[in-house]
């Protein structure tokens, strides 16, 4: 089967490797990470992906004019 179908179903092929790969970044703040140092004041652009069946996507962009 295709990997995309497994990802859609939530089947993990990583197991322990996935935990080791992401384990180092848990609960650490980066000096370059905007989310750990700064507050988000406003959202200016929003993209929404909507799934239709398996292979069709709708990209919807919302922009706030100021």
N, C-alpha and C. Protein backbone atom coordinates (compact mmCIF):
# COMPACT_ATOMS: atom_id res chain seq x y z
N UNK A 1 0.83 -1.19 0.00
CA UNK A 1 0.00 0.00 0.00
C UNK A 1 0.86 1.25 0.00
N UNK A 2 0.26 2.30 -0.37
CA UNK A 2 0.94 3.58 -0.46
C UNK A 2 1.16 4.17 0.94
N UNK A 3 2.28 4.85 1.14
CA UNK A 3 2.56 5.47 2.44
C UNK A 3 1.52 6.53 2.79
N UNK A 4 1.03 7.27 1.78
CA UNK A 4 0.03 8.31 2.04
C UNK A 4 -1.24 7.72 2.63
N UNK A 5 -1.65 6.54 2.16
CA UNK A 5 -2.84 5.91 2.72
C UNK A 5 -2.60 5.51 4.17
N UNK A 6 -1.41 5.00 4.46
CA UNK A 6 -1.10 4.64 5.85
C UNK A 6 -1.09 5.88 6.74
N UNK A 7 -0.54 6.98 6.24
CA UNK A 7 -0.53 8.21 7.02
C UNK A 7 -1.95 8.71 7.26
N UNK A 8 -2.80 8.58 6.24
CA UNK A 8 -4.19 9.00 6.38
C UNK A 8 -4.92 8.16 7.42
N UNK A 9 -4.61 6.86 7.47
CA UNK A 9 -5.25 5.96 8.43
C UNK A 9 -4.63 6.06 9.81
N UNK A 10 -3.48 6.71 9.94
CA UNK A 10 -2.82 6.84 11.23
C UNK A 10 -1.91 5.69 11.58
N UNK A 11 -1.49 4.90 10.58
CA UNK A 11 -0.59 3.77 10.81
C UNK A 11 0.84 4.29 10.87
N UNK A 12 1.55 3.98 11.93
CA UNK A 12 2.92 4.45 12.09
C UNK A 12 3.91 3.37 11.69
N UNK A 13 4.87 3.74 10.86
CA UNK A 13 5.93 2.82 10.47
C UNK A 13 7.23 3.11 11.22
N UNK A 14 7.23 4.17 12.01
CA UNK A 14 8.45 4.59 12.69
C UNK A 14 8.67 3.83 13.99
N UNK A 15 7.65 3.74 14.81
CA UNK A 15 7.79 3.08 16.11
C UNK A 15 8.75 3.82 17.01
N UNK A 16 9.74 3.11 17.54
CA UNK A 16 10.70 3.68 18.49
C UNK A 16 11.59 4.74 17.84
N UNK A 17 11.90 4.59 16.56
CA UNK A 17 12.74 5.57 15.87
C UNK A 17 12.08 6.95 15.87
N UNK A 18 10.76 6.98 15.72
CA UNK A 18 10.03 8.24 15.73
C UNK A 18 10.19 8.95 17.08
N UNK A 19 10.10 8.20 18.17
CA UNK A 19 10.26 8.78 19.49
C UNK A 19 11.68 9.29 19.70
N UNK A 20 12.67 8.56 19.22
CA UNK A 20 14.05 9.00 19.37
C UNK A 20 14.33 10.23 18.52
N UNK A 21 13.73 10.30 17.33
CA UNK A 21 13.98 11.42 16.43
C UNK A 21 13.43 12.72 16.99
N UNK A 22 12.22 12.67 17.57
CA UNK A 22 11.59 13.88 18.09
C UNK A 22 11.82 14.10 19.58
N UNK A 23 12.41 13.16 20.26
CA UNK A 23 12.57 13.26 21.70
C UNK A 23 13.49 14.36 22.15
N UNK A 24 14.48 14.73 21.33
CA UNK A 24 15.46 15.72 21.75
C UNK A 24 14.87 17.13 21.80
N UNK A 25 13.79 17.40 21.06
CA UNK A 25 13.26 18.75 20.96
C UNK A 25 12.12 19.02 21.95
N UNK A 26 11.74 18.05 22.73
CA UNK A 26 10.61 18.22 23.63
C UNK A 26 11.00 19.14 24.79
N UNK A 27 10.16 20.09 25.10
CA UNK A 27 10.32 21.02 26.23
C UNK A 27 11.58 21.87 26.16
N UNK A 28 12.04 22.17 24.96
CA UNK A 28 13.19 23.06 24.81
C UNK A 28 12.77 24.29 24.03
N UNK A 29 13.31 25.42 24.41
CA UNK A 29 13.01 26.67 23.72
C UNK A 29 14.21 27.08 22.88
N UNK A 30 13.93 27.45 21.67
CA UNK A 30 14.98 27.88 20.76
C UNK A 30 15.06 29.40 20.77
N UNK A 31 16.26 29.95 20.61
CA UNK A 31 16.44 31.39 20.52
C UNK A 31 15.84 31.95 19.24
N UNK A 32 15.73 31.11 18.21
CA UNK A 32 15.19 31.55 16.93
C UNK A 32 13.71 31.25 16.77
N UNK A 33 13.11 30.58 17.73
CA UNK A 33 11.71 30.18 17.63
C UNK A 33 10.81 31.33 18.05
N UNK A 34 10.03 31.84 17.11
CA UNK A 34 9.17 32.99 17.40
C UNK A 34 8.07 32.63 18.39
N UNK A 35 7.63 31.38 18.44
CA UNK A 35 6.54 31.00 19.32
C UNK A 35 6.98 30.92 20.78
N UNK A 36 8.25 30.65 21.04
CA UNK A 36 8.70 30.55 22.42
C UNK A 36 9.13 31.90 23.00
N UNK A 37 9.40 32.88 22.15
CA UNK A 37 9.90 34.17 22.62
C UNK A 37 8.91 35.33 22.46
N UNK A 38 8.04 35.25 21.46
CA UNK A 38 7.17 36.38 21.14
C UNK A 38 5.70 35.95 21.15
N UNK A 39 4.84 36.91 21.39
CA UNK A 39 3.41 36.66 21.29
C UNK A 39 2.95 36.97 19.87
N UNK A 40 1.95 36.23 19.43
CA UNK A 40 1.37 36.49 18.12
C UNK A 40 0.31 37.57 18.29
N UNK A 41 0.48 38.69 17.59
CA UNK A 41 -0.44 39.82 17.74
C UNK A 41 -1.67 39.65 16.86
N UNK A 42 -1.46 39.28 15.58
CA UNK A 42 -2.59 39.16 14.66
C UNK A 42 -2.29 38.12 13.60
N UNK A 43 -3.32 37.50 13.10
CA UNK A 43 -3.19 36.56 11.98
C UNK A 43 -3.55 37.32 10.72
N UNK A 44 -2.62 37.36 9.75
CA UNK A 44 -2.86 38.12 8.53
C UNK A 44 -3.18 37.23 7.34
N UNK A 45 -2.83 35.95 7.40
CA UNK A 45 -3.08 35.05 6.28
C UNK A 45 -3.45 33.69 6.84
N UNK A 46 -4.48 33.07 6.29
CA UNK A 46 -4.95 31.78 6.76
C UNK A 46 -5.19 30.88 5.57
N UNK A 47 -4.61 29.68 5.60
CA UNK A 47 -4.81 28.72 4.52
C UNK A 47 -5.50 27.49 5.08
N UNK A 48 -6.57 27.08 4.43
CA UNK A 48 -7.36 25.93 4.85
C UNK A 48 -7.31 24.89 3.74
N UNK A 49 -7.00 23.66 4.11
CA UNK A 49 -6.98 22.56 3.15
C UNK A 49 -8.19 21.68 3.44
N UNK A 50 -8.99 21.44 2.43
CA UNK A 50 -10.18 20.61 2.59
C UNK A 50 -10.04 19.37 1.72
N UNK A 51 -10.18 18.20 2.32
CA UNK A 51 -10.04 16.93 1.61
C UNK A 51 -11.36 16.54 0.97
N UNK A 52 -11.30 16.17 -0.29
CA UNK A 52 -12.45 15.59 -1.00
C UNK A 52 -12.00 14.23 -1.51
N UNK A 53 -12.61 13.18 -1.01
CA UNK A 53 -12.22 11.80 -1.34
C UNK A 53 -10.75 11.61 -0.98
N UNK A 54 -9.92 11.13 -1.90
CA UNK A 54 -8.54 10.84 -1.55
C UNK A 54 -7.54 11.74 -2.26
N UNK A 55 -7.80 12.11 -3.51
CA UNK A 55 -6.78 12.80 -4.28
C UNK A 55 -7.09 14.26 -4.58
N UNK A 56 -8.18 14.80 -4.10
CA UNK A 56 -8.55 16.16 -4.45
C UNK A 56 -8.49 17.06 -3.22
N UNK A 57 -7.80 18.18 -3.36
CA UNK A 57 -7.68 19.14 -2.27
C UNK A 57 -8.20 20.50 -2.73
N UNK A 58 -8.83 21.23 -1.83
CA UNK A 58 -9.19 22.62 -2.07
C UNK A 58 -8.33 23.49 -1.16
N UNK A 59 -7.62 24.43 -1.74
CA UNK A 59 -6.83 25.38 -0.97
C UNK A 59 -7.62 26.68 -0.90
N UNK A 60 -7.92 27.11 0.29
CA UNK A 60 -8.69 28.33 0.49
C UNK A 60 -7.79 29.31 1.25
N UNK A 61 -7.58 30.47 0.68
CA UNK A 61 -6.75 31.48 1.33
C UNK A 61 -7.61 32.66 1.77
N UNK A 62 -7.42 33.09 2.99
CA UNK A 62 -8.11 34.25 3.52
C UNK A 62 -7.06 35.28 3.89
N UNK A 63 -7.22 36.49 3.40
CA UNK A 63 -6.30 37.57 3.73
C UNK A 63 -7.08 38.73 4.32
N UNK A 64 -6.52 39.32 5.35
CA UNK A 64 -7.15 40.47 5.98
C UNK A 64 -6.48 41.73 5.46
N UNK A 65 -7.25 42.57 4.82
CA UNK A 65 -6.71 43.82 4.29
C UNK A 65 -6.69 44.86 5.41
N UNK A 66 -5.55 45.52 5.56
CA UNK A 66 -5.45 46.55 6.61
C UNK A 66 -5.18 47.89 6.00
